[in-house]
Amino acid sequence: MDDKSQIKIFAGSSSIDFVRKICQYLNIVPGKSETFHFQEGNIYVKIQENVREKDVYFVQTIGIDANDSFVELLFWIDAFKRSSANSVTVIIPYFSYAKADKKDEPRVSIRARVCADCIEAAGADRVIMIDLHSPQIQGFFKKPVDNLYAYPLLCGYIKSLAIPDLVIVSPDIGFAKNARKYASYLNVPTVICDKERKDHSEKAEVIEMFGDVRNKNALIVDDFTLTCGTLIDAARVLKMKGANNVYAMVTHSLLNEKGLKELERSHITKLITTDTVSNPAVHLSKKIKIISVAPLFAEAVKIIQNKESLSSLFDHLPEDLIKSCLEI
């Protein structure tokens, strides 16, 4: 990085380990800060070093305890702006409210838009995310939003496994376009499921499958999982259709202990995910492989700081960057 003295990377309480990895990759020291939660739920934040005229990068994932994490994020942006930071770039590895991107039933809030308005009102100058559930959310912001992609890193790991007779499986029609990116990268066929979700219980049922999986090894791909329900149901149908081994791969994993127990009992051989969400529960399962995307965000910070183009991080990533992510 050309001028490390001008950059400061700070961690919110939901991304402390993630920031440690970013700073380790960049060979810099994380910014000093303090977050305190009072008994009644009130959140207090304080910057413990000078940020005047500095370019600040603040990292806070909005996943587990999403509401507290989001409010804390707003307070941090305000603190940096009031401390005369030159710029505040917000890095949100997982943005939970991205699922609420439209008014698809009467009398509901478009929560992603409300969050975008709040982030801008607090003073953010730029936002960086990865694998947004709805890419059009970038249009909710007037400030620049960069949406990175995890699939080149995840596919890099799949290539290292050398799985024969592989097919990529989209768990629903909505993710089919993204699934084809995985399939194109790995040069394998695509199979598409059709699922039905009847309510907000976070449960969906696979009702149809388009494509041949008999005697194939299947890899289900999706952007996130909360309960593993869709992945497990898709794996069940895949086995019924004659698939051999079934793997699953998601960018964001918010599995709790109940979901992990369901995963252990399922037909899924291995679940590959990333570290966008600090979720200690995922380390309890031998079925889960975690790949760090911290070096990818670190490269994004370097590129932005050097006023270069982020297009080099899309689609085909440098082999040394993929290697760094797989080694952490």
C-alpha atoms as a PDB file:
ATOM      1  CA  MET A   1       0.000   0.000   0.000  1.00  0.00           C
ATOM      2  CA  ASP A   2       1.395   3.373  -1.004  1.00  0.00           C
ATOM      3  CA  ASP A   3       0.598   5.319   2.167  1.00  0.00           C
ATOM      4  CA  LYS A   4      -0.146   3.207   5.216  1.00  0.00           C
ATOM      5  CA  SER A   5       0.036   6.227   7.518  1.00  0.00           C
ATOM      6  CA  GLN A   6      -3.229   7.602   6.119  1.00  0.00           C
ATOM      7  CA  ILE A   7      -5.280   4.411   6.527  1.00  0.00           C
ATOM      8  CA  LYS A   8      -7.021   3.168   9.655  1.00  0.00           C
ATOM      9  CA  ILE A   9      -9.027  -0.073   9.864  1.00  0.00           C
ATOM     10  CA  PHE A  10     -11.335  -0.454  12.857  1.00  0.00           C
ATOM     11  CA  ALA A  11     -13.462  -3.401  13.986  1.00  0.00           C
ATOM     12  CA  GLY A  12     -16.999  -3.386  15.262  1.00  0.00           C
ATOM     13  CA  SER A  13     -17.813  -5.915  17.965  1.00  0.00           C
ATOM     14  CA  SER A  14     -19.141  -8.439  15.413  1.00  0.00           C
ATOM     15  CA  SER A  15     -15.982  -8.444  13.236  1.00  0.00           C
ATOM     16  CA  ILE A  16     -12.974  -8.303  15.561  1.00  0.00           C
ATOM     17  CA  ASP A  17     -11.301 -11.479  14.289  1.00  0.00           C
ATOM     18  CA  PHE A  18     -12.109 -10.584  10.683  1.00  0.00           C
ATOM     19  CA  VAL A  19     -10.315  -7.236  11.027  1.00  0.00           C
ATOM     20  CA  ARG A  20      -7.348  -8.974  12.631  1.00  0.00           C
ATOM     21  CA  LYS A  21      -7.021 -11.099   9.474  1.00  0.00           C
ATOM     22  CA  ILE A  22      -7.352  -8.064   7.174  1.00  0.00           C
ATOM     23  CA  CYS A  23      -4.671  -6.152   9.062  1.00  0.00           C
ATOM     24  CA  GLN A  24      -2.392  -9.187   9.205  1.00  0.00           C
ATOM     25  CA  TYR A  25      -2.632  -9.471   5.419  1.00  0.00           C
ATOM     26  CA  LEU A  26      -1.893  -5.748   4.987  1.00  0.00           C
ATOM     27  CA  ASN A  27       0.814  -5.796   7.664  1.00  0.00           C
ATOM     28  CA  ILE A  28      -0.756  -2.954   9.633  1.00  0.00           C
ATOM     29  CA  VAL A  29      -2.107  -2.597  13.172  1.00  0.00           C
ATOM     30  CA  PRO A  30      -5.900  -2.492  13.745  1.00  0.00           C
ATOM     31  CA  GLY A  31      -7.312   0.792  14.991  1.00  0.00           C
ATOM     32  CA  LYS A  32      -7.856   1.161  18.731  1.00  0.00           C
ATOM     33  CA  SER A  33     -11.461   1.435  19.827  1.00  0.00           C
ATOM     34  CA  GLU A  34     -13.886   0.551  22.609  1.00  0.00           C
ATOM     35  CA  THR A  35     -17.451  -0.745  22.529  1.00  0.00           C
ATOM     36  CA  PHE A  36     -19.520  -1.084  25.699  1.00  0.00           C
ATOM     37  CA  HIS A  37     -23.050  -2.438  26.148  1.00  0.00           C
ATOM     38  CA  PHE A  38     -24.893  -1.025  29.161  1.00  0.00           C
ATOM     39  CA  GLN A  39     -27.286  -3.191  31.165  1.00  0.00           C
ATOM     40  CA  GLU A  40     -30.430  -1.817  29.546  1.00  0.00           C
ATOM     41  CA  GLY A  41     -29.017  -2.427  26.032  1.00  0.00           C
ATOM     42  CA  ASN A  42     -27.593   1.048  25.408  1.00  0.00           C
ATOM     43  CA  ILE A  43     -24.447   0.920  23.206  1.00  0.00           C
ATOM     44  CA  TYR A  44     -21.409   3.148  23.781  1.00  0.00           C
ATOM     45  CA  VAL A  45     -18.544   3.475  21.272  1.00  0.00           C
ATOM     46  CA  LYS A  46     -15.266   5.396  21.493  1.00  0.00           C
ATOM     47  CA  ILE A  47     -12.315   5.834  19.127  1.00  0.00           C
ATOM     48  CA  GLN A  48      -9.111   5.557  21.140  1.00  0.00           C
ATOM     49  CA  GLU A  49      -6.725   7.232  18.715  1.00  0.00           C
ATOM     50  CA  ASN A  50      -6.530  10.255  16.417  1.00  0.00           C
ATOM     51  CA  VAL A  51      -8.320   9.826  13.050  1.00  0.00           C
ATOM     52  CA  ARG A  52      -8.286  13.467  11.897  1.00  0.00           C
ATOM     53  CA  GLU A  53      -7.786  13.591   8.096  1.00  0.00           C
ATOM     54  CA  LYS A  54      -7.348   9.796   8.001  1.00  0.00           C
ATOM     55  CA  ASP A  55      -9.101   7.426   5.599  1.00  0.00           C
ATOM     56  CA  VAL A  56     -11.089   5.184   7.913  1.00  0.00           C
ATOM     57  CA  TYR A  57     -12.306   1.685   7.052  1.00  0.00           C
ATOM     58  CA  PHE A  58     -14.795   0.316   9.546  1.00  0.00           C
ATOM     59  CA  VAL A  59     -15.793  -3.364   9.485  1.00  0.00           C
ATOM     60  CA  GLN A  60     -19.050  -4.610  11.001  1.00  0.00           C
ATOM     61  CA  THR A  61     -21.000  -7.655   9.834  1.00  0.00           C
ATOM     62  CA  ILE A  62     -24.785  -7.477  10.261  1.00  0.00           C
ATOM     63  CA  GLY A  63     -25.630 -11.098  10.995  1.00  0.00           C
ATOM     64  CA  ILE A  64     -26.072 -12.680  14.412  1.00  0.00           C
ATOM     65  CA  ASP A  65     -27.607 -10.032  16.732  1.00  0.00           C
ATOM     66  CA  ALA A  66     -28.342  -8.027  13.597  1.00  0.00           C
ATOM     67  CA  ASN A  67     -30.169  -5.133  15.274  1.00  0.00           C
ATOM     68  CA  ASP A  68     -27.474  -4.418  17.870  1.00  0.00           C
ATOM     69  CA  SER A  69     -24.763  -4.713  15.204  1.00  0.00           C
ATOM     70  CA  PHE A  70     -26.564  -2.311  12.897  1.00  0.00           C
ATOM     71  CA  VAL A  71     -27.163   0.353  15.555  1.00  0.00           C
ATOM     72  CA  GLU A  72     -23.539   0.047  16.674  1.00  0.00           C
ATOM     73  CA  LEU A  73     -22.462   0.551  13.052  1.00  0.00           C
ATOM     74  CA  LEU A  74     -24.389   3.830  12.848  1.00  0.00           C
ATOM     75  CA  PHE A  75     -22.823   5.104  16.078  1.00  0.00           C
ATOM     76  CA  TRP A  76     -19.328   4.297  14.790  1.00  0.00           C
ATOM     77  CA  ILE A  77     -19.883   6.130  11.499  1.00  0.00           C
ATOM     78  CA  ASP A  78     -21.098   9.166  13.448  1.00  0.00           C
ATOM     79  CA  ALA A  79     -18.090   8.988  15.798  1.00  0.00           C
ATOM     80  CA  PHE A  80     -15.622   8.920  12.890  1.00  0.00           C
ATOM     81  CA  LYS A  81     -17.290  11.813  11.101  1.00  0.00           C
ATOM     82  CA  ARG A  82     -17.390  13.891  14.291  1.00  0.00           C
ATOM     83  CA  SER A  83     -13.679  13.112  14.772  1.00  0.00           C
ATOM     84  CA  SER A  84     -12.877  14.711  11.393  1.00  0.00           C
ATOM     85  CA  ALA A  85     -11.927  11.565   9.501  1.00  0.00           C
ATOM     86  CA  ASN A  86     -11.137  12.328   5.860  1.00  0.00           C
ATOM     87  CA  SER A  87     -13.424   9.520   4.665  1.00  0.00           C
ATOM     88  CA  VAL A  88     -15.378   6.638   6.184  1.00  0.00           C
ATOM     89  CA  THR A  89     -15.674   3.426   4.162  1.00  0.00           C
ATOM     90  CA  VAL A  90     -18.017   0.899   5.724  1.00  0.00           C
ATOM     91  CA  ILE A  91     -17.227  -2.783   5.128  1.00  0.00           C
ATOM     92  CA  ILE A  92     -20.207  -5.056   5.789  1.00  0.00           C
ATOM     93  CA  PRO A  93     -19.162  -8.684   5.127  1.00  0.00           C
ATOM     94  CA  TYR A  94     -22.750  -9.872   5.648  1.00  0.00           C
ATOM     95  CA  PHE A  95     -25.767  -7.574   5.398  1.00  0.00           C
ATOM     96  CA  SER A  96     -28.695  -9.476   6.908  1.00  0.00           C
ATOM     97  CA  TYR A  97     -31.350  -6.975   5.854  1.00  0.00           C
ATOM     98  CA  ALA A  98     -30.453  -7.468   2.184  1.00  0.00           C
ATOM     99  CA  LYS A  99     -33.204 -10.119   2.135  1.00  0.00           C
ATOM    100  CA  ALA A 100     -35.794  -7.361   2.691  1.00  0.00           C
ATOM    101  CA  ASP A 101     -35.345  -5.628  -0.660  1.00  0.00           C
ATOM    102  CA  LYS A 102     -38.936  -5.238  -1.881  1.00  0.00           C
ATOM    103  CA  LYS A 103     -42.572  -4.746  -0.891  1.00  0.00           C
ATOM    104  CA  ASP A 104     -43.883  -8.162  -1.899  1.00  0.00           C
ATOM    105  CA  GLU A 105     -46.956  -8.102   0.364  1.00  0.00           C
ATOM    106  CA  PRO A 106     -49.213  -5.345   1.746  1.00  0.00           C
ATOM    107  CA  ARG A 107     -48.220  -3.055   4.633  1.00  0.00           C
ATOM    108  CA  VAL A 108     -44.565  -4.132   5.028  1.00  0.00           C
ATOM    109  CA  SER A 109     -41.349  -2.145   5.268  1.00  0.00           C
ATOM    110  CA  ILE A 110     -38.581  -2.312   2.662  1.00  0.00           C
ATOM    111  CA  ARG A 111     -36.054  -2.739   5.450  1.00  0.00           C
ATOM    112  CA  ALA A 112     -32.958  -2.804   3.250  1.00  0.00           C
ATOM    113  CA  ARG A 113     -33.839   0.660   1.937  1.00  0.00           C
ATOM    114  CA  VAL A 114     -34.369   1.987   5.474  1.00  0.00           C
ATOM    115  CA  CYS A 115     -30.927   0.622   6.464  1.00  0.00           C
ATOM    116  CA  ALA A 116     -29.308   2.200   3.402  1.00  0.00           C
ATOM    117  CA  ASP A 117     -30.834   5.592   4.261  1.00  0.00           C
ATOM    118  CA  CYS A 118     -29.564   5.330   7.844  1.00  0.00           C
ATOM    119  CA  ILE A 119     -26.016   4.404   6.805  1.00  0.00           C
ATOM    120  CA  GLU A 120     -25.860   7.382   4.458  1.00  0.00           C
ATOM    121  CA  ALA A 121     -27.459   9.740   6.981  1.00  0.00           C
ATOM    122  CA  ALA A 122     -24.856   8.727   9.582  1.00  0.00           C
ATOM    123  CA  GLY A 123     -22.128   9.848   7.157  1.00  0.00           C
ATOM    124  CA  ALA A 124     -20.684   6.832   5.310  1.00  0.00           C
ATOM    125  CA  ASP A 125     -18.780   7.779   2.151  1.00  0.00           C
ATOM    126  CA  ARG A 126     -18.573   4.298   0.625  1.00  0.00           C
ATOM    127  CA  VAL A 127     -19.850   0.770   1.350  1.00  0.00           C
ATOM    128  CA  ILE A 128     -18.209  -2.577   0.521  1.00  0.00           C
ATOM    129  CA  MET A 129     -20.101  -5.877   0.775  1.00  0.00           C
ATOM    130  CA  ILE A 130     -19.846  -9.383  -0.642  1.00  0.00           C
ATOM    131  CA  ASP A 131     -22.471 -11.586  -2.297  1.00  0.00           C
ATOM    132  CA  LEU A 132     -25.449  -9.379  -1.542  1.00  0.00           C
ATOM    133  CA  HIS A 133     -28.633 -11.419  -1.485  1.00  0.00           C
ATOM    134  CA  SER A 134     -30.124  -8.810  -3.824  1.00  0.00           C
ATOM    135  CA  PRO A 135     -27.523  -6.935  -5.911  1.00  0.00           C
ATOM    136  CA  GLN A 136     -30.073  -4.215  -6.746  1.00  0.00           C
ATOM    137  CA  ILE A 137     -29.652  -2.982  -3.164  1.00  0.00           C
ATOM    138  CA  GLN A 138     -26.626  -1.100  -4.464  1.00  0.00           C
ATOM    139  CA  GLY A 139     -29.206   1.214  -6.047  1.00  0.00           C
ATOM    140  CA  PHE A 140     -30.701   2.004  -2.633  1.00  0.00           C
ATOM    141  CA  PHE A 141     -27.569   4.041  -1.884  1.00  0.00           C
ATOM    142  CA  LYS A 142     -26.539   7.358  -3.400  1.00  0.00           C
ATOM    143  CA  LYS A 143     -22.958   6.729  -2.283  1.00  0.00           C
ATOM    144  CA  PRO A 144     -20.720   4.152  -4.053  1.00  0.00           C
ATOM    145  CA  VAL A 145     -21.391   0.513  -3.127  1.00  0.00           C
ATOM    146  CA  ASP A 146     -19.016  -2.291  -4.148  1.00  0.00           C
ATOM    147  CA  ASN A 147     -20.390  -5.830  -4.140  1.00  0.00           C
ATOM    148  CA  LEU A 148     -17.545  -8.371  -4.195  1.00  0.00           C
ATOM    149  CA  TYR A 149     -17.929 -12.018  -5.210  1.00  0.00           C
ATOM    150  CA  ALA A 150     -16.831 -15.061  -3.223  1.00  0.00           C
ATOM    151  CA  TYR A 151     -17.342 -17.690  -5.906  1.00  0.00           C
ATOM    152  CA  PRO A 152     -13.790 -17.538  -7.388  1.00  0.00           C
ATOM    153  CA  LEU A 153     -12.373 -18.303  -3.916  1.00  0.00           C
ATOM    154  CA  LEU A 154     -14.938 -21.010  -3.178  1.00  0.00           C
ATOM    155  CA  CYS A 155     -14.440 -22.570  -6.606  1.00  0.00           C
ATOM    156  CA  GLY A 156     -10.698 -22.486  -6.029  1.00  0.00           C
ATOM    157  CA  TYR A 157     -11.210 -24.744  -3.034  1.00  0.00           C
ATOM    158  CA  ILE A 158     -13.537 -27.053  -4.980  1.00  0.00           C
ATOM    159  CA  LYS A 159     -10.906 -27.370  -7.718  1.00  0.00           C
ATOM    160  CA  SER A 160      -8.384 -28.478  -5.095  1.00  0.00           C
ATOM    161  CA  LEU A 161     -10.707 -31.364  -4.142  1.00  0.00           C
ATOM    162  CA  ALA A 162     -10.774 -32.661  -7.750  1.00  0.00           C
ATOM    163  CA  ILE A 163     -14.324 -34.041  -7.378  1.00  0.00           C
ATOM    164  CA  PRO A 164     -15.187 -36.248 -10.404  1.00  0.00           C
ATOM    165  CA  ASP A 165     -18.499 -36.061 -12.327  1.00  0.00           C
ATOM    166  CA  LEU A 166     -19.466 -32.814 -10.609  1.00  0.00           C
ATOM    167  CA  VAL A 167     -22.686 -30.881 -11.246  1.00  0.00           C
ATOM    168  CA  ILE A 168     -23.640 -27.511  -9.758  1.00  0.00           C
ATOM    169  CA  VAL A 169     -27.106 -27.359  -8.178  1.00  0.00           C
ATOM    170  CA  SER A 170     -29.094 -24.170  -7.654  1.00  0.00           C
ATOM    171  CA  PRO A 171     -31.508 -24.608  -4.689  1.00  0.00           C
ATOM    172  CA  ASP A 172     -34.112 -22.406  -6.391  1.00  0.00           C
ATOM    173  CA  ILE A 173     -34.828 -20.632  -9.658  1.00  0.00           C
ATOM    174  CA  GLY A 174     -33.888 -17.259  -8.150  1.00  0.00           C
ATOM    175  CA  PHE A 175     -30.263 -18.323  -7.643  1.00  0.00           C
ATOM    176  CA  ALA A 176     -29.947 -20.042 -11.047  1.00  0.00           C
ATOM    177  CA  LYS A 177     -28.076 -17.154 -12.700  1.00  0.00           C
ATOM    178  CA  ASN A 178     -25.475 -17.159  -9.913  1.00  0.00           C
ATOM    179  CA  ALA A 179     -25.239 -20.963  -9.996  1.00  0.00           C
ATOM    180  CA  ARG A 180     -24.321 -20.786 -13.667  1.00  0.00           C
ATOM    181  CA  LYS A 181     -21.349 -18.569 -12.732  1.00  0.00           C
ATOM    182  CA  TYR A 182     -20.069 -21.349 -10.478  1.00  0.00           C
ATOM    183  CA  ALA A 183     -20.697 -23.917 -13.201  1.00  0.00           C
ATOM    184  CA  SER A 184     -18.957 -21.818 -15.846  1.00  0.00           C
ATOM    185  CA  TYR A 185     -15.946 -21.252 -13.591  1.00  0.00           C
ATOM    186  CA  LEU A 186     -15.645 -25.001 -12.928  1.00  0.00           C
ATOM    187  CA  ASN A 187     -16.728 -25.989 -16.469  1.00  0.00           C
ATOM    188  CA  VAL A 188     -19.454 -28.368 -15.237  1.00  0.00           C
ATOM    189  CA  PRO A 189     -23.248 -28.696 -15.872  1.00  0.00           C
ATOM    190  CA  THR A 190     -25.988 -26.917 -13.897  1.00  0.00           C
ATOM    191  CA  VAL A 191     -29.084 -28.435 -12.248  1.00  0.00           C
ATOM    192  CA  ILE A 192     -31.903 -26.193 -10.986  1.00  0.00           C
ATOM    193  CA  CYS A 193     -34.359 -26.891  -8.160  1.00  0.00           C
ATOM    194  CA  ASP A 194     -37.756 -25.306  -7.724  1.00  0.00           C
ATOM    195  CA  LYS A 195     -38.682 -24.677  -4.101  1.00  0.00           C
ATOM    196  CA  GLU A 196     -41.787 -23.370  -2.381  1.00  0.00           C
ATOM    197  CA  ARG A 197     -41.842 -21.175   0.730  1.00  0.00           C
ATOM    198  CA  LYS A 198     -45.290 -20.819   2.285  1.00  0.00           C
ATOM    199  CA  ASP A 199     -44.567 -18.474   5.217  1.00  0.00           C
ATOM    200  CA  HIS A 200     -41.812 -16.733   7.240  1.00  0.00           C
ATOM    201  CA  SER A 201     -40.823 -19.869   9.177  1.00  0.00           C
ATOM    202  CA  GLU A 202     -37.488 -20.015   7.256  1.00  0.00           C
ATOM    203  CA  LYS A 203     -38.495 -23.440   5.906  1.00  0.00           C
ATOM    204  CA  ALA A 204     -38.801 -24.177   2.196  1.00  0.00           C
ATOM    205  CA  GLU A 205     -39.575 -27.394   0.327  1.00  0.00           C
ATOM    206  CA  VAL A 206     -37.966 -28.521  -2.936  1.00  0.00           C
ATOM    207  CA  ILE A 207     -40.847 -29.576  -5.197  1.00  0.00           C
ATOM    208  CA  GLU A 208     -39.081 -30.139  -8.557  1.00  0.00           C
ATOM    209  CA  MET A 209     -35.600 -30.568 -10.052  1.00  0.00           C
ATOM    210  CA  PHE A 210     -34.472 -29.829 -13.606  1.00  0.00           C
ATOM    211  CA  GLY A 211     -31.399 -31.733 -14.789  1.00  0.00           C
ATOM    212  CA  ASP A 212     -29.767 -35.158 -14.542  1.00  0.00           C
ATOM    213  CA  VAL A 213     -27.862 -36.017 -11.350  1.00  0.00           C
ATOM    214  CA  ARG A 214     -27.803 -39.841 -11.538  1.00  0.00           C
ATOM    215  CA  ASN A 215     -24.328 -41.163 -10.638  1.00  0.00           C
ATOM    216  CA  LYS A 216     -23.068 -37.555 -10.328  1.00  0.00           C
ATOM    217  CA  ASN A 217     -21.486 -35.731  -7.409  1.00  0.00           C
ATOM    218  CA  ALA A 218     -23.652 -32.693  -6.664  1.00  0.00           C
ATOM    219  CA  LEU A 219     -22.583 -29.304  -5.279  1.00  0.00           C
ATOM    220  CA  ILE A 220     -25.473 -27.129  -4.021  1.00  0.00           C
ATOM    221  CA  VAL A 221     -24.585 -23.425  -4.093  1.00  0.00           C
ATOM    222  CA  ASP A 222     -26.367 -20.520  -2.384  1.00  0.00           C
ATOM    223  CA  ASP A 223     -25.550 -17.132  -0.878  1.00  0.00           C
ATOM    224  CA  PHE A 224     -26.482 -17.859   2.753  1.00  0.00           C
ATOM    225  CA  THR A 225     -28.023 -20.364   5.129  1.00  0.00           C
ATOM    226  CA  LEU A 226     -29.795 -19.816   8.444  1.00  0.00           C
ATOM    227  CA  THR A 227     -31.088 -23.287   9.295  1.00  0.00           C
ATOM    228  CA  CYS A 228     -29.609 -25.434   6.502  1.00  0.00           C
ATOM    229  CA  GLY A 229     -33.195 -26.464   5.747  1.00  0.00           C
ATOM    230  CA  THR A 230     -33.164 -25.707   2.017  1.00  0.00           C
ATOM    231  CA  LEU A 231     -29.745 -27.316   1.549  1.00  0.00           C
ATOM    232  CA  ILE A 232     -30.761 -30.440   3.466  1.00  0.00           C
ATOM    233  CA  ASP A 233     -34.027 -30.776   1.557  1.00  0.00           C
ATOM    234  CA  ALA A 234     -32.236 -30.331  -1.771  1.00  0.00           C
ATOM    235  CA  ALA A 235     -29.680 -32.966  -0.724  1.00  0.00           C
ATOM    236  CA  ARG A 236     -32.517 -35.368   0.111  1.00  0.00           C
ATOM    237  CA  VAL A 237     -34.064 -34.926  -3.336  1.00  0.00           C
ATOM    238  CA  LEU A 238     -30.656 -35.248  -5.018  1.00  0.00           C
ATOM    239  CA  LYS A 239     -30.050 -38.590  -3.315  1.00  0.00           C
ATOM    240  CA  MET A 240     -33.539 -39.730  -4.346  1.00  0.00           C
ATOM    241  CA  LYS A 241     -32.661 -38.815  -7.942  1.00  0.00           C
ATOM    242  CA  GLY A 242     -29.520 -40.986  -7.820  1.00  0.00           C
ATOM    243  CA  ALA A 243     -26.715 -38.547  -6.916  1.00  0.00           C
ATOM    244  CA  ASN A 244     -23.588 -39.968  -5.297  1.00  0.00           C
ATOM    245  CA  ASN A 245     -22.026 -37.510  -2.827  1.00  0.00           C
ATOM    246  CA  VAL A 246     -23.749 -34.194  -2.099  1.00  0.00           C
ATOM    247  CA  TYR A 247     -21.751 -31.102  -1.140  1.00  0.00           C
ATOM    248  CA  ALA A 248     -23.057 -27.629  -0.270  1.00  0.00           C
ATOM    249  CA  MET A 249     -21.393 -24.235  -0.539  1.00  0.00           C
ATOM    250  CA  VAL A 250     -22.624 -20.871   0.793  1.00  0.00           C
ATOM    251  CA  THR A 251     -20.936 -17.537   1.361  1.00  0.00           C
ATOM    252  CA  HIS A 252     -22.650 -16.668   4.647  1.00  0.00           C
ATOM    253  CA  SER A 253     -23.417 -19.208   7.398  1.00  0.00           C
ATOM    254  CA  LEU A 254     -25.549 -18.273  10.414  1.00  0.00           C
ATOM    255  CA  LEU A 255     -26.203 -21.828  11.580  1.00  0.00           C
ATOM    256  CA  ASN A 256     -27.129 -22.373  15.222  1.00  0.00           C
ATOM    257  CA  GLU A 257     -26.663 -25.605  17.187  1.00  0.00           C
ATOM    258  CA  LYS A 258     -30.033 -26.955  16.030  1.00  0.00           C
ATOM    259  CA  GLY A 259     -29.100 -26.358  12.401  1.00  0.00           C
ATOM    260  CA  LEU A 260     -25.740 -28.027  12.948  1.00  0.00           C
ATOM    261  CA  LYS A 261     -27.425 -31.134  14.358  1.00  0.00           C
ATOM    262  CA  GLU A 262     -29.669 -31.268  11.291  1.00  0.00           C
ATOM    263  CA  LEU A 263     -26.591 -30.903   9.068  1.00  0.00           C
ATOM    264  CA  GLU A 264     -24.840 -33.779  10.839  1.00  0.00           C
ATOM    265  CA  ARG A 265     -27.844 -36.053  10.195  1.00  0.00           C
ATOM    266  CA  SER A 266     -28.252 -34.976   6.572  1.00  0.00           C
ATOM    267  CA  HIS A 267     -27.024 -36.378   3.254  1.00  0.00           C
ATOM    268  CA  ILE A 268     -24.584 -33.462   2.902  1.00  0.00           C
ATOM    269  CA  THR A 269     -20.984 -34.715   2.895  1.00  0.00           C
ATOM    270  CA  LYS A 270     -19.382 -31.289   3.426  1.00  0.00           C
ATOM    271  CA  LEU A 271     -20.555 -27.683   3.774  1.00  0.00           C
ATOM    272  CA  ILE A 272     -18.088 -25.077   2.516  1.00  0.00           C
ATOM    273  CA  THR A 273     -18.587 -21.516   3.754  1.00  0.00           C
ATOM    274  CA  THR A 274     -16.670 -18.323   4.545  1.00  0.00           C
ATOM    275  CA  ASP A 275     -15.889 -16.269   7.647  1.00  0.00           C
ATOM    276  CA  THR A 276     -18.127 -13.277   6.822  1.00  0.00           C
ATOM    277  CA  VAL A 277     -20.106 -14.012   9.994  1.00  0.00           C
ATOM    278  CA  SER A 278     -18.371 -14.582  13.321  1.00  0.00           C
ATOM    279  CA  ASN A 279     -20.211 -17.761  14.264  1.00  0.00           C
ATOM    280  CA  PRO A 280     -18.465 -19.973  16.853  1.00  0.00           C
ATOM    281  CA  ALA A 281     -21.085 -22.707  16.334  1.00  0.00           C
ATOM    282  CA  VAL A 282     -19.791 -23.629  12.868  1.00  0.00           C
ATOM    283  CA  HIS A 283     -16.473 -24.742  14.347  1.00  0.00           C
ATOM    284  CA  LEU A 284     -18.310 -27.539  16.184  1.00  0.00           C
ATOM    285  CA  SER A 285     -18.940 -29.534  13.011  1.00  0.00           C
ATOM    286  CA  LYS A 286     -16.363 -31.626  11.170  1.00  0.00           C
ATOM    287  CA  LYS A 287     -18.604 -31.357   8.106  1.00  0.00           C
ATOM    288  CA  ILE A 288     -17.912 -27.628   7.736  1.00  0.00           C
ATOM    289  CA  LYS A 289     -14.930 -26.111   5.930  1.00  0.00           C
ATOM    290  CA  ILE A 290     -14.388 -22.366   6.450  1.00  0.00           C
ATOM    291  CA  ILE A 291     -12.545 -20.254   3.874  1.00  0.00           C
ATOM    292  CA  SER A 292     -11.500 -16.716   4.782  1.00  0.00           C
ATOM    293  CA  VAL A 293     -12.492 -13.817   2.524  1.00  0.00           C
ATOM    294  CA  ALA A 294     -10.537 -11.330   4.670  1.00  0.00           C
ATOM    295  CA  PRO A 295      -7.648 -11.138   2.133  1.00  0.00           C
ATOM    296  CA  LEU A 296     -10.180 -10.278  -0.593  1.00  0.00           C
ATOM    297  CA  PHE A 297     -11.458  -7.312   1.455  1.00  0.00           C
ATOM    298  CA  ALA A 298      -7.861  -6.361   2.255  1.00  0.00           C
ATOM    299  CA  GLU A 299      -7.104  -6.197  -1.467  1.00  0.00           C
ATOM    300  CA  ALA A 300     -10.221  -4.061  -1.957  1.00  0.00           C
ATOM    301  CA  VAL A 301      -8.954  -1.638   0.690  1.00  0.00           C
ATOM    302  CA  LYS A 302      -5.545  -1.451  -1.021  1.00  0.00           C
ATOM    303  CA  ILE A 303      -7.114  -0.788  -4.413  1.00  0.00           C
ATOM    304  CA  ILE A 304      -9.456   1.931  -3.116  1.00  0.00           C
ATOM    305  CA  GLN A 305      -6.678   3.553  -1.108  1.00  0.00           C
ATOM    306  CA  ASN A 306      -4.427   3.620  -4.183  1.00  0.00           C
ATOM    307  CA  LYS A 307      -7.283   5.036  -6.309  1.00  0.00           C
ATOM    308  CA  GLU A 308      -7.252   2.063  -8.670  1.00  0.00           C
ATOM    309  CA  SER A 309     -10.055  -0.012 -10.212  1.00  0.00           C
ATOM    310  CA  LEU A 310     -11.834  -2.763  -8.262  1.00  0.00           C
ATOM    311  CA  SER A 311     -12.665  -4.611 -11.490  1.00  0.00           C
ATOM    312  CA  SER A 312      -9.509  -6.703 -10.986  1.00  0.00           C
ATOM    313  CA  LEU A 313     -11.272  -8.429  -8.051  1.00  0.00           C
ATOM    314  CA  PHE A 314     -14.224  -9.630 -10.123  1.00  0.00           C
ATOM    315  CA  ASP A 315     -14.495 -13.032 -11.789  1.00  0.00           C
ATOM    316  CA  HIS A 316     -10.888 -14.233 -12.145  1.00  0.00           C
ATOM    317  CA  LEU A 317      -8.839 -13.469  -9.042  1.00  0.00           C
ATOM    318  CA  PRO A 318      -5.035 -13.698  -8.928  1.00  0.00           C
ATOM    319  CA  GLU A 319      -3.867 -17.188  -7.949  1.00  0.00           C
ATOM    320  CA  ASP A 320      -1.760 -15.833  -5.074  1.00  0.00           C
ATOM    321  CA  LEU A 321      -4.841 -14.137  -3.569  1.00  0.00           C
ATOM    322  CA  ILE A 322      -6.873 -17.349  -3.802  1.00  0.00           C
ATOM    323  CA  LYS A 323      -3.982 -19.209  -2.175  1.00  0.00           C
ATOM    324  CA  SER A 324      -3.849 -16.663   0.681  1.00  0.00           C
ATOM    325  CA  CYS A 325      -7.571 -17.090   1.365  1.00  0.00           C
ATOM    326  CA  LEU A 326      -7.316 -20.870   1.396  1.00  0.00           C
ATOM    327  CA  GLU A 327      -4.315 -20.866   3.730  1.00  0.00           C
ATOM    328  CA  ILE A 328      -5.811 -18.736   6.538  1.00  0.00           C
END
